[in-house]
Amino acid sequence: SGQFCKKIRGKIFYFGKVDNPDAALKRYHEHCRDLHSGKATRVERTDEITVAELANRFLAAKDRKREIGDIEAATFVEYHRDWVFRAIDHAAQPGRVPGFFVPRG
């Protein structure tokens, strides 16, 4: 995955990219006490977005357009259906970043 990780209490936690070991170690030290004690169940992401979050943001923007009449309800339904299938397809193939998830410059 290109990430530094550690198994703590039977669960794998990711702390940062291999190309930035100092930041990963810092992040580990920020969370290690809570993770080892069981108080925390996950490490908050600061600079990353999940596929689900991306899909939700996209659909929320399209829903706002539907509400003000910029797109038809049927178009929103198509967006919803297509993004759900794309998110499922992406989740089934870890490490793959399809073109429709890559930001345009």
PDB file of N, CA and C in Angstrom:
ATOM      1  N   SER A   1       0.817  -1.208   0.000  1.00  0.00           N
ATOM      2  CA  SER A   1       0.000   0.000   0.000  1.00  0.00           C
ATOM      3  C   SER A   1       0.857   1.267   0.000  1.00  0.00           C
ATOM      4  N   GLY A   2       2.175   1.109   0.170  1.00  0.00           N
ATOM      5  CA  GLY A   2       3.036   2.288   0.206  1.00  0.00           C
ATOM      6  C   GLY A   2       2.907   3.076   1.493  1.00  0.00           C
ATOM      7  N   GLN A   3       2.368   2.433   2.539  1.00  0.00           N
ATOM      8  CA  GLN A   3       2.136   3.105   3.812  1.00  0.00           C
ATOM      9  C   GLN A   3       2.871   2.369   4.930  1.00  0.00           C
ATOM     10  N   PHE A   4       3.311   3.133   5.928  1.00  0.00           N
ATOM     11  CA  PHE A   4       3.819   2.522   7.137  1.00  0.00           C
ATOM     12  C   PHE A   4       2.608   2.081   7.951  1.00  0.00           C
ATOM     13  N   CYS A   5       2.657   0.855   8.469  1.00  0.00           N
ATOM     14  CA  CYS A   5       1.534   0.372   9.265  1.00  0.00           C
ATOM     15  C   CYS A   5       2.045  -0.414  10.454  1.00  0.00           C
ATOM     16  N   LYS A   6       1.157  -0.620  11.428  1.00  0.00           N
ATOM     17  CA  LYS A   6       1.505  -1.398  12.625  1.00  0.00           C
ATOM     18  C   LYS A   6       0.239  -2.090  13.100  1.00  0.00           C
ATOM     19  N   LYS A   7       0.400  -3.345  13.475  1.00  0.00           N
ATOM     20  CA  LYS A   7      -0.719  -4.089  14.028  1.00  0.00           C
ATOM     21  C   LYS A   7      -0.773  -3.830  15.528  1.00  0.00           C
ATOM     22  N   ILE A   8      -1.903  -3.309  15.977  1.00  0.00           N
ATOM     23  CA  ILE A   8      -2.096  -2.966  17.384  1.00  0.00           C
ATOM     24  C   ILE A   8      -3.422  -3.573  17.834  1.00  0.00           C
ATOM     25  N   ARG A   9      -3.356  -4.386  18.875  1.00  0.00           N
ATOM     26  CA  ARG A   9      -4.559  -5.029  19.425  1.00  0.00           C
ATOM     27  C   ARG A   9      -5.329  -5.787  18.336  1.00  0.00           C
ATOM     28  N   GLY A  10      -4.588  -6.419  17.423  1.00  0.00           N
ATOM     29  CA  GLY A  10      -5.192  -7.251  16.397  1.00  0.00           C
ATOM     30  C   GLY A  10      -5.701  -6.524  15.166  1.00  0.00           C
ATOM     31  N   LYS A  11      -5.477  -5.225  15.093  1.00  0.00           N
ATOM     32  CA  LYS A  11      -5.956  -4.447  13.953  1.00  0.00           C
ATOM     33  C   LYS A  11      -4.789  -3.681  13.339  1.00  0.00           C
ATOM     34  N   ILE A  12      -4.781  -3.564  12.017  1.00  0.00           N
ATOM     35  CA  ILE A  12      -3.700  -2.847  11.338  1.00  0.00           C
ATOM     36  C   ILE A  12      -4.073  -1.372  11.202  1.00  0.00           C
ATOM     37  N   PHE A  13      -3.136  -0.513  11.599  1.00  0.00           N
ATOM     38  CA  PHE A  13      -3.319   0.929  11.486  1.00  0.00           C
ATOM     39  C   PHE A  13      -2.257   1.487  10.548  1.00  0.00           C
ATOM     40  N   TYR A  14      -2.637   2.473   9.750  1.00  0.00           N
ATOM     41  CA  TYR A  14      -1.733   3.096   8.784  1.00  0.00           C
ATOM     42  C   TYR A  14      -1.392   4.495   9.281  1.00  0.00           C
ATOM     43  N   PHE A  15      -0.097   4.850   9.161  1.00  0.00           N
ATOM     44  CA  PHE A  15       0.355   6.113   9.736  1.00  0.00           C
ATOM     45  C   PHE A  15       0.928   7.096   8.738  1.00  0.00           C
ATOM     46  N   GLY A  16       1.164   6.702   7.527  1.00  0.00           N
ATOM     47  CA  GLY A  16       1.688   7.642   6.546  1.00  0.00           C
ATOM     48  C   GLY A  16       2.461   6.937   5.453  1.00  0.00           C
ATOM     49  N   LYS A  17       2.807   7.705   4.462  1.00  0.00           N
ATOM     50  CA  LYS A  17       3.467   7.167   3.284  1.00  0.00           C
ATOM     51  C   LYS A  17       4.931   6.830   3.556  1.00  0.00           C
ATOM     52  N   VAL A  18       5.397   5.795   2.869  1.00  0.00           N
ATOM     53  CA  VAL A  18       6.771   5.334   3.015  1.00  0.00           C
ATOM     54  C   VAL A  18       7.768   6.423   2.630  1.00  0.00           C
ATOM     55  N   ASP A  19       7.391   7.265   1.674  1.00  0.00           N
ATOM     56  CA  ASP A  19       8.323   8.308   1.229  1.00  0.00           C
ATOM     57  C   ASP A  19       8.464   9.456   2.224  1.00  0.00           C
ATOM     58  N   ASN A  20       7.721   9.416   3.337  1.00  0.00           N
ATOM     59  CA  ASN A  20       7.829  10.446   4.370  1.00  0.00           C
ATOM     60  C   ASN A  20       7.840   9.768   5.750  1.00  0.00           C
ATOM     61  N   PRO A  21       8.927   9.048   6.074  1.00  0.00           N
ATOM     62  CA  PRO A  21       8.945   8.277   7.324  1.00  0.00           C
ATOM     63  C   PRO A  21       8.870   9.133   8.583  1.00  0.00           C
ATOM     64  N   ASP A  22       9.410  10.335   8.555  1.00  0.00           N
ATOM     65  CA  ASP A  22       9.364  11.191   9.745  1.00  0.00           C
ATOM     66  C   ASP A  22       7.929  11.568  10.102  1.00  0.00           C
ATOM     67  N   ALA A  23       7.138  11.899   9.087  1.00  0.00           N
ATOM     68  CA  ALA A  23       5.737  12.253   9.324  1.00  0.00           C
ATOM     69  C   ALA A  23       4.954  11.041   9.823  1.00  0.00           C
ATOM     70  N   ALA A  24       5.255   9.862   9.272  1.00  0.00           N
ATOM     71  CA  ALA A  24       4.569   8.642   9.712  1.00  0.00           C
ATOM     72  C   ALA A  24       4.894   8.333  11.164  1.00  0.00           C
ATOM     73  N   LEU A  25       6.148   8.467  11.525  1.00  0.00           N
ATOM     74  CA  LEU A  25       6.554   8.206  12.910  1.00  0.00           C
ATOM     75  C   LEU A  25       5.913   9.216  13.857  1.00  0.00           C
ATOM     76  N   LYS A  26       5.871  10.462  13.453  1.00  0.00           N
ATOM     77  CA  LYS A  26       5.233  11.498  14.272  1.00  0.00           C
ATOM     78  C   LYS A  26       3.753  11.168  14.484  1.00  0.00           C
ATOM     79  N   ARG A  27       3.096  10.754  13.405  1.00  0.00           N
ATOM     80  CA  ARG A  27       1.677  10.423  13.497  1.00  0.00           C
ATOM     81  C   ARG A  27       1.464   9.217  14.412  1.00  0.00           C
ATOM     82  N   TYR A  28       2.357   8.220  14.315  1.00  0.00           N
ATOM     83  CA  TYR A  28       2.263   7.063  15.200  1.00  0.00           C
ATOM     84  C   TYR A  28       2.362   7.515  16.656  1.00  0.00           C
ATOM     85  N   HIS A  29       3.351   8.348  16.971  1.00  0.00           N
ATOM     86  CA  HIS A  29       3.538   8.799  18.354  1.00  0.00           C
ATOM     87  C   HIS A  29       2.361   9.636  18.848  1.00  0.00           C
ATOM     88  N   GLU A  30       1.700  10.350  17.957  1.00  0.00           N
ATOM     89  CA  GLU A  30       0.529  11.145  18.351  1.00  0.00           C
ATOM     90  C   GLU A  30      -0.645  10.260  18.774  1.00  0.00           C
ATOM     91  N   HIS A  31      -0.727   9.061  18.189  1.00  0.00           N
ATOM     92  CA  HIS A  31      -1.893   8.209  18.418  1.00  0.00           C
ATOM     93  C   HIS A  31      -1.601   6.935  19.201  1.00  0.00           C
ATOM     94  N   CYS A  32      -0.331   6.598  19.414  1.00  0.00           N
ATOM     95  CA  CYS A  32       0.012   5.281  19.951  1.00  0.00           C
ATOM     96  C   CYS A  32      -0.584   5.002  21.322  1.00  0.00           C
ATOM     97  N   ARG A  33      -0.567   5.963  22.207  1.00  0.00           N
ATOM     98  CA  ARG A  33      -1.080   5.722  23.567  1.00  0.00           C
ATOM     99  C   ARG A  33      -2.558   5.317  23.528  1.00  0.00           C
ATOM    100  N   ASP A  34      -3.371   6.053  22.777  1.00  0.00           N
ATOM    101  CA  ASP A  34      -4.801   5.733  22.695  1.00  0.00           C
ATOM    102  C   ASP A  34      -5.043   4.415  21.969  1.00  0.00           C
ATOM    103  N   LEU A  35      -4.261   4.157  20.913  1.00  0.00           N
ATOM    104  CA  LEU A  35      -4.446   2.911  20.164  1.00  0.00           C
ATOM    105  C   LEU A  35      -4.077   1.697  21.009  1.00  0.00           C
ATOM    106  N   HIS A  36      -2.960   1.762  21.709  1.00  0.00           N
ATOM    107  CA  HIS A  36      -2.524   0.630  22.533  1.00  0.00           C
ATOM    108  C   HIS A  36      -3.442   0.410  23.737  1.00  0.00           C
ATOM    109  N   SER A  37      -4.056   1.473  24.245  1.00  0.00           N
ATOM    110  CA  SER A  37      -4.953   1.333  25.397  1.00  0.00           C
ATOM    111  C   SER A  37      -6.360   0.917  24.981  1.00  0.00           C
ATOM    112  N   GLY A  38      -6.650   1.010  23.688  1.00  0.00           N
ATOM    113  CA  GLY A  38      -7.984   0.657  23.203  1.00  0.00           C
ATOM    114  C   GLY A  38      -8.957   1.822  23.194  1.00  0.00           C
ATOM    115  N   LYS A  39      -8.509   3.013  23.595  1.00  0.00           N
ATOM    116  CA  LYS A  39      -9.389   4.186  23.606  1.00  0.00           C
ATOM    117  C   LYS A  39      -9.751   4.640  22.200  1.00  0.00           C
ATOM    118  N   ALA A  40      -8.806   4.534  21.280  1.00  0.00           N
ATOM    119  CA  ALA A  40      -9.054   4.933  19.893  1.00  0.00           C
ATOM    120  C   ALA A  40      -9.188   3.678  19.045  1.00  0.00           C
ATOM    121  N   THR A  41     -10.057   3.738  18.060  1.00  0.00           N
ATOM    122  CA  THR A  41     -10.251   2.589  17.181  1.00  0.00           C
ATOM    123  C   THR A  41      -9.772   2.864  15.767  1.00  0.00           C
ATOM    124  N   ARG A  42      -9.370   4.113  15.515  1.00  0.00           N
ATOM    125  CA  ARG A  42      -8.840   4.443  14.193  1.00  0.00           C
ATOM    126  C   ARG A  42      -7.995   5.698  14.279  1.00  0.00           C
ATOM    127  N   VAL A  43      -7.153   5.870  13.272  1.00  0.00           N
ATOM    128  CA  VAL A  43      -6.311   7.052  13.167  1.00  0.00           C
ATOM    129  C   VAL A  43      -6.993   7.983  12.184  1.00  0.00           C
ATOM    130  N   GLU A  44      -7.267   9.202  12.631  1.00  0.00           N
ATOM    131  CA  GLU A  44      -7.947  10.158  11.754  1.00  0.00           C
ATOM    132  C   GLU A  44      -7.059  10.525  10.577  1.00  0.00           C
ATOM    133  N   ARG A  45      -7.666  10.617   9.431  1.00  0.00           N
ATOM    134  CA  ARG A  45      -6.939  11.029   8.226  1.00  0.00           C
ATOM    135  C   ARG A  45      -6.958  12.545   8.144  1.00  0.00           C
ATOM    136  N   THR A  46      -5.836  13.097   7.798  1.00  0.00           N
ATOM    137  CA  THR A  46      -5.777  14.551   7.709  1.00  0.00           C
ATOM    138  C   THR A  46      -5.691  15.041   6.273  1.00  0.00           C
ATOM    139  N   ASP A  47      -5.018  14.295   5.424  1.00  0.00           N
ATOM    140  CA  ASP A  47      -4.787  14.782   4.064  1.00  0.00           C
ATOM    141  C   ASP A  47      -5.295  13.819   3.003  1.00  0.00           C
ATOM    142  N   GLU A  48      -6.116  12.858   3.400  1.00  0.00           N
ATOM    143  CA  GLU A  48      -6.596  11.865   2.461  1.00  0.00           C
ATOM    144  C   GLU A  48      -8.121  11.875   2.447  1.00  0.00           C
ATOM    145  N   ILE A  49      -8.672  11.332   1.384  1.00  0.00           N
ATOM    146  CA  ILE A  49     -10.114  11.221   1.264  1.00  0.00           C
ATOM    147  C   ILE A  49     -10.428   9.801   0.814  1.00  0.00           C
ATOM    148  N   THR A  50     -11.460   9.218   1.396  1.00  0.00           N
ATOM    149  CA  THR A  50     -11.847   7.876   1.000  1.00  0.00           C
ATOM    150  C   THR A  50     -12.700   7.945  -0.256  1.00  0.00           C
ATOM    151  N   VAL A  51     -12.842   6.815  -0.904  1.00  0.00           N
ATOM    152  CA  VAL A  51     -13.695   6.751  -2.094  1.00  0.00           C
ATOM    153  C   VAL A  51     -15.126   7.101  -1.706  1.00  0.00           C
ATOM    154  N   ALA A  52     -15.574   6.617  -0.556  1.00  0.00           N
ATOM    155  CA  ALA A  52     -16.936   6.912  -0.103  1.00  0.00           C
ATOM    156  C   ALA A  52     -17.131   8.414   0.127  1.00  0.00           C
ATOM    157  N   GLU A  53     -16.140   9.068   0.753  1.00  0.00           N
ATOM    158  CA  GLU A  53     -16.243  10.515   0.990  1.00  0.00           C
ATOM    159  C   GLU A  53     -16.290  11.278  -0.328  1.00  0.00           C
ATOM    160  N   LEU A  54     -15.456  10.860  -1.277  1.00  0.00           N
ATOM    161  CA  LEU A  54     -15.434  11.504  -2.585  1.00  0.00           C
ATOM    162  C   LEU A  54     -16.777  11.350  -3.283  1.00  0.00           C
ATOM    163  N   ALA A  55     -17.316  10.138  -3.274  1.00  0.00           N
ATOM    164  CA  ALA A  55     -18.607   9.884  -3.905  1.00  0.00           C
ATOM    165  C   ALA A  55     -19.707  10.707  -3.225  1.00  0.00           C
ATOM    166  N   ASN A  56     -19.684  10.762  -1.895  1.00  0.00           N
ATOM    167  CA  ASN A  56     -20.699  11.530  -1.170  1.00  0.00           C
ATOM    168  C   ASN A  56     -20.626  13.017  -1.487  1.00  0.00           C
ATOM    169  N   ARG A  57     -19.414  13.552  -1.580  1.00  0.00           N
ATOM    170  CA  ARG A  57     -19.274  14.982  -1.920  1.00  0.00           C
ATOM    171  C   ARG A  57     -19.787  15.257  -3.334  1.00  0.00           C
ATOM    172  N   PHE A  58     -19.429  14.371  -4.261  1.00  0.00           N
ATOM    173  CA  PHE A  58     -19.873  14.528  -5.642  1.00  0.00           C
ATOM    174  C   PHE A  58     -21.402  14.493  -5.713  1.00  0.00           C
ATOM    175  N   LEU A  59     -21.998  13.488  -5.059  1.00  0.00           N
ATOM    176  CA  LEU A  59     -23.453  13.348  -5.108  1.00  0.00           C
ATOM    177  C   LEU A  59     -24.156  14.496  -4.404  1.00  0.00           C
ATOM    178  N   ALA A  60     -23.579  15.006  -3.321  1.00  0.00           N
ATOM    179  CA  ALA A  60     -24.181  16.157  -2.638  1.00  0.00           C
ATOM    180  C   ALA A  60     -24.188  17.383  -3.547  1.00  0.00           C
ATOM    181  N   ALA A  61     -23.098  17.576  -4.288  1.00  0.00           N
ATOM    182  CA  ALA A  61     -23.038  18.708  -5.225  1.00  0.00           C
ATOM    183  C   ALA A  61     -24.077  18.545  -6.328  1.00  0.00           C
ATOM    184  N   LYS A  62     -24.232  17.333  -6.841  1.00  0.00           N
ATOM    185  CA  LYS A  62     -25.218  17.082  -7.899  1.00  0.00           C
ATOM    186  C   LYS A  62     -26.638  17.209  -7.357  1.00  0.00           C
ATOM    187  N   ASP A  63     -26.844  16.817  -6.093  1.00  0.00           N
ATOM    188  CA  ASP A  63     -28.167  16.947  -5.495  1.00  0.00           C
ATOM    189  C   ASP A  63     -28.545  18.416  -5.338  1.00  0.00           C
ATOM    190  N   ARG A  64     -27.570  19.249  -4.990  1.00  0.00           N
ATOM    191  CA  ARG A  64     -27.841  20.696  -4.911  1.00  0.00           C
ATOM    192  C   ARG A  64     -28.238  21.237  -6.281  1.00  0.00           C
ATOM    193  N   LYS A  65     -27.558  20.763  -7.335  1.00  0.00           N
ATOM    194  CA  LYS A  65     -27.918  21.194  -8.693  1.00  0.00           C
ATOM    195  C   LYS A  65     -29.327  20.732  -9.049  1.00  0.00           C
ATOM    196  N   ARG A  66     -29.704  19.514  -8.599  1.00  0.00           N
ATOM    197  CA  ARG A  66     -31.051  19.009  -8.854  1.00  0.00           C
ATOM    198  C   ARG A  66     -32.087  19.865  -8.137  1.00  0.00           C
ATOM    199  N   GLU A  67     -31.784  20.238  -6.896  1.00  0.00           N
ATOM    200  CA  GLU A  67     -32.726  21.028  -6.107  1.00  0.00           C
ATOM    201  C   GLU A  67     -33.007  22.393  -6.722  1.00  0.00           C
ATOM    202  N   ILE A  68     -32.007  23.006  -7.364  1.00  0.00           N
ATOM    203  CA  ILE A  68     -32.230  24.328  -7.965  1.00  0.00           C
ATOM    204  C   ILE A  68     -32.616  24.252  -9.438  1.00  0.00           C
ATOM    205  N   GLY A  69     -32.743  23.017  -9.950  1.00  0.00           N
ATOM    206  CA  GLY A  69     -33.224  22.841 -11.314  1.00  0.00           C
ATOM    207  C   GLY A  69     -32.162  22.837 -12.396  1.00  0.00           C
ATOM    208  N   ASP A  70     -30.892  22.795 -12.023  1.00  0.00           N
ATOM    209  CA  ASP A  70     -29.830  22.751 -13.037  1.00  0.00           C
ATOM    210  C   ASP A  70     -29.738  21.393 -13.726  1.00  0.00           C
ATOM    211  N   ILE A  71     -30.140  20.331 -13.017  1.00  0.00           N
ATOM    212  CA  ILE A  71     -30.194  19.005 -13.641  1.00  0.00           C
ATOM    213  C   ILE A  71     -31.526  18.352 -13.291  1.00  0.00           C
ATOM    214  N   GLU A  72     -31.951  17.420 -14.119  1.00  0.00           N
ATOM    215  CA  GLU A  72     -33.198  16.699 -13.890  1.00  0.00           C
ATOM    216  C   GLU A  72     -33.005  15.625 -12.819  1.00  0.00           C
ATOM    217  N   ALA A  73     -34.100  15.230 -12.191  1.00  0.00           N
ATOM    218  CA  ALA A  73     -34.054  14.183 -11.174  1.00  0.00           C
ATOM    219  C   ALA A  73     -33.494  12.886 -11.759  1.00  0.00           C
ATOM    220  N   ALA A  74     -33.870  12.561 -12.989  1.00  0.00           N
ATOM    221  CA  ALA A  74     -33.389  11.333 -13.631  1.00  0.00           C
ATOM    222  C   ALA A  74     -31.870  11.368 -13.809  1.00  0.00           C
ATOM    223  N   THR A  75     -31.321  12.537 -14.080  1.00  0.00           N
ATOM    224  CA  THR A  75     -29.874  12.675 -14.231  1.00  0.00           C
ATOM    225  C   THR A  75     -29.191  12.399 -12.899  1.00  0.00           C
ATOM    226  N   PHE A  76     -29.770  12.940 -11.814  1.00  0.00           N
ATOM    227  CA  PHE A  76     -29.210  12.678 -10.491  1.00  0.00           C
ATOM    228  C   PHE A  76     -29.233  11.183 -10.174  1.00  0.00           C
ATOM    229  N   VAL A  77     -30.325  10.511 -10.502  1.00  0.00           N
ATOM    230  CA  VAL A  77     -30.425   9.065 -10.265  1.00  0.00           C
ATOM    231  C   VAL A  77     -29.331   8.328 -11.029  1.00  0.00           C
ATOM    232  N   GLU A  78     -29.064   8.739 -12.270  1.00  0.00           N
ATOM    233  CA  GLU A  78     -27.994   8.120 -13.052  1.00  0.00           C
ATOM    234  C   GLU A  78     -26.631   8.360 -12.397  1.00  0.00           C
ATOM    235  N   TYR A  79     -26.386   9.583 -11.951  1.00  0.00           N
ATOM    236  CA  TYR A  79     -25.131   9.875 -11.249  1.00  0.00           C
ATOM    237  C   TYR A  79     -24.983   8.963 -10.033  1.00  0.00           C
ATOM    238  N   HIS A  80     -26.043   8.864  -9.257  1.00  0.00           N
ATOM    239  CA  HIS A  80     -26.010   8.052  -8.047  1.00  0.00           C
ATOM    240  C   HIS A  80     -25.697   6.609  -8.383  1.00  0.00           C
ATOM    241  N   ARG A  81     -26.398   6.046  -9.340  1.00  0.00           N
ATOM    242  CA  ARG A  81     -26.179   4.654  -9.727  1.00  0.00           C
ATOM    243  C   ARG A  81     -24.751   4.444 -10.219  1.00  0.00           C
ATOM    244  N   ASP A  82     -24.275   5.320 -11.092  1.00  0.00           N
ATOM    245  CA  ASP A  82     -22.936   5.170 -11.658  1.00  0.00           C
ATOM    246  C   ASP A  82     -21.856   5.291 -10.591  1.00  0.00           C
ATOM    247  N   TRP A  83     -21.989   6.239  -9.672  1.00  0.00           N
ATOM    248  CA  TRP A  83     -20.961   6.431  -8.651  1.00  0.00           C
ATOM    249  C   TRP A  83     -20.945   5.301  -7.642  1.00  0.00           C
ATOM    250  N   VAL A  84     -22.098   4.745  -7.341  1.00  0.00           N
ATOM    251  CA  VAL A  84     -22.125   3.602  -6.425  1.00  0.00           C
ATOM    252  C   VAL A  84     -21.379   2.438  -7.051  1.00  0.00           C
ATOM    253  N   PHE A  85     -21.639   2.149  -8.335  1.00  0.00           N
ATOM    254  CA  PHE A  85     -20.943   1.051  -9.001  1.00  0.00           C
ATOM    255  C   PHE A  85     -19.447   1.327  -9.110  1.00  0.00           C
ATOM    256  N   ARG A  86     -19.067   2.556  -9.381  1.00  0.00           N
ATOM    257  CA  ARG A  86     -17.642   2.883  -9.477  1.00  0.00           C
ATOM    258  C   ARG A  86     -16.951   2.730  -8.135  1.00  0.00           C
ATOM    259  N   ALA A  87     -17.608   3.150  -7.074  1.00  0.00           N
ATOM    260  CA  ALA A  87     -17.014   3.020  -5.732  1.00  0.00           C
ATOM    261  C   ALA A  87     -16.853   1.554  -5.359  1.00  0.00           C
ATOM    262  N   ILE A  88     -17.837   0.736  -5.684  1.00  0.00           N
ATOM    263  CA  ILE A  88     -17.751  -0.694  -5.395  1.00  0.00           C
ATOM    264  C   ILE A  88     -16.626  -1.308  -6.208  1.00  0.00           C
ATOM    265  N   ASP A  89     -16.537  -0.947  -7.483  1.00  0.00           N
ATOM    266  CA  ASP A  89     -15.487  -1.475  -8.348  1.00  0.00           C
ATOM    267  C   ASP A  89     -14.112  -1.069  -7.827  1.00  0.00           C
ATOM    268  N   HIS A  90     -13.975   0.175  -7.394  1.00  0.00           N
ATOM    269  CA  HIS A  90     -12.698   0.659  -6.865  1.00  0.00           C
ATOM    270  C   HIS A  90     -12.324  -0.084  -5.584  1.00  0.00           C
ATOM    271  N   ALA A  91     -13.294  -0.258  -4.699  1.00  0.00           N
ATOM    272  CA  ALA A  91     -13.022  -0.928  -3.427  1.00  0.00           C
ATOM    273  C   ALA A  91     -12.607  -2.380  -3.642  1.00  0.00           C
ATOM    274  N   ALA A  92     -13.085  -2.980  -4.708  1.00  0.00           N
ATOM    275  CA  ALA A  92     -12.749  -4.377  -4.990  1.00  0.00           C
ATOM    276  C   ALA A  92     -11.338  -4.533  -5.530  1.00  0.00           C
ATOM    277  N   GLN A  93     -10.708  -3.424  -5.938  1.00  0.00           N
ATOM    278  CA  GLN A  93      -9.369  -3.478  -6.516  1.00  0.00           C
ATOM    279  C   GLN A  93      -8.468  -2.466  -5.831  1.00  0.00           C
ATOM    280  N   PRO A  94      -8.024  -2.765  -4.614  1.00  0.00           N
ATOM    281  CA  PRO A  94      -7.186  -1.819  -3.863  1.00  0.00           C
ATOM    282  C   PRO A  94      -5.932  -1.426  -4.632  1.00  0.00           C
ATOM    283  N   GLY A  95      -5.555  -0.185  -4.476  1.00  0.00           N
ATOM    284  CA  GLY A  95      -4.350   0.303  -5.124  1.00  0.00           C
ATOM    285  C   GLY A  95      -4.586   0.858  -6.506  1.00  0.00           C
ATOM    286  N   ARG A  96      -5.731   0.588  -7.084  1.00  0.00           N
ATOM    287  CA  ARG A  96      -6.037   1.084  -8.416  1.00  0.00           C
ATOM    288  C   ARG A  96      -6.749   2.424  -8.291  1.00  0.00           C
ATOM    289  N   VAL A  97      -6.303   3.397  -9.027  1.00  0.00           N
ATOM    290  CA  VAL A  97      -6.948   4.712  -9.026  1.00  0.00           C
ATOM    291  C   VAL A  97      -7.486   4.958 -10.428  1.00  0.00           C
ATOM    292  N   PRO A  98      -8.781   4.705 -10.638  1.00  0.00           N
ATOM    293  CA  PRO A  98      -9.341   4.908 -11.967  1.00  0.00           C
ATOM    294  C   PRO A  98      -9.317   6.379 -12.361  1.00  0.00           C
ATOM    295  N   GLY A  99      -9.331   6.641 -13.652  1.00  0.00           N
ATOM    296  CA  GLY A  99      -9.239   8.001 -14.154  1.00  0.00           C
ATOM    297  C   GLY A  99     -10.291   8.946 -13.641  1.00  0.00           C
ATOM    298  N   PHE A 100     -11.502   8.448 -13.360  1.00  0.00           N
ATOM    299  CA  PHE A 100     -12.544   9.353 -12.913  1.00  0.00           C
ATOM    300  C   PHE A 100     -12.362   9.794 -11.475  1.00  0.00           C
ATOM    301  N   PHE A 101     -11.391   9.244 -10.749  1.00  0.00           N
ATOM    302  CA  PHE A 101     -11.087   9.705  -9.401  1.00  0.00           C
ATOM    303  C   PHE A 101      -9.864  10.618  -9.372  1.00  0.00           C
ATOM    304  N   VAL A 102      -9.208  10.790 -10.496  1.00  0.00           N
ATOM    305  CA  VAL A 102      -8.003  11.603 -10.542  1.00  0.00           C
ATOM    306  C   VAL A 102      -8.403  13.057 -10.785  1.00  0.00           C
ATOM    307  N   PRO A 103      -7.978  13.974  -9.913  1.00  0.00           N
ATOM    308  CA  PRO A 103      -8.354  15.383 -10.096  1.00  0.00           C
ATOM    309  C   PRO A 103      -7.758  15.937 -11.390  1.00  0.00           C
ATOM    310  N   ARG A 104      -8.515  16.781 -12.018  1.00  0.00           N
ATOM    311  CA  ARG A 104      -8.054  17.423 -13.242  1.00  0.00           C
ATOM    312  C   ARG A 104      -7.348  18.726 -12.885  1.00  0.00           C
ATOM    313  N   GLY A 105      -6.198  18.941 -13.514  1.00  0.00           N
ATOM    314  CA  GLY A 105      -5.406  20.128 -13.229  1.00  0.00           C
ATOM    315  C   GLY A 105      -5.922  21.297 -13.902  1.00  0.00           C
TER     316      GLY A 105
END
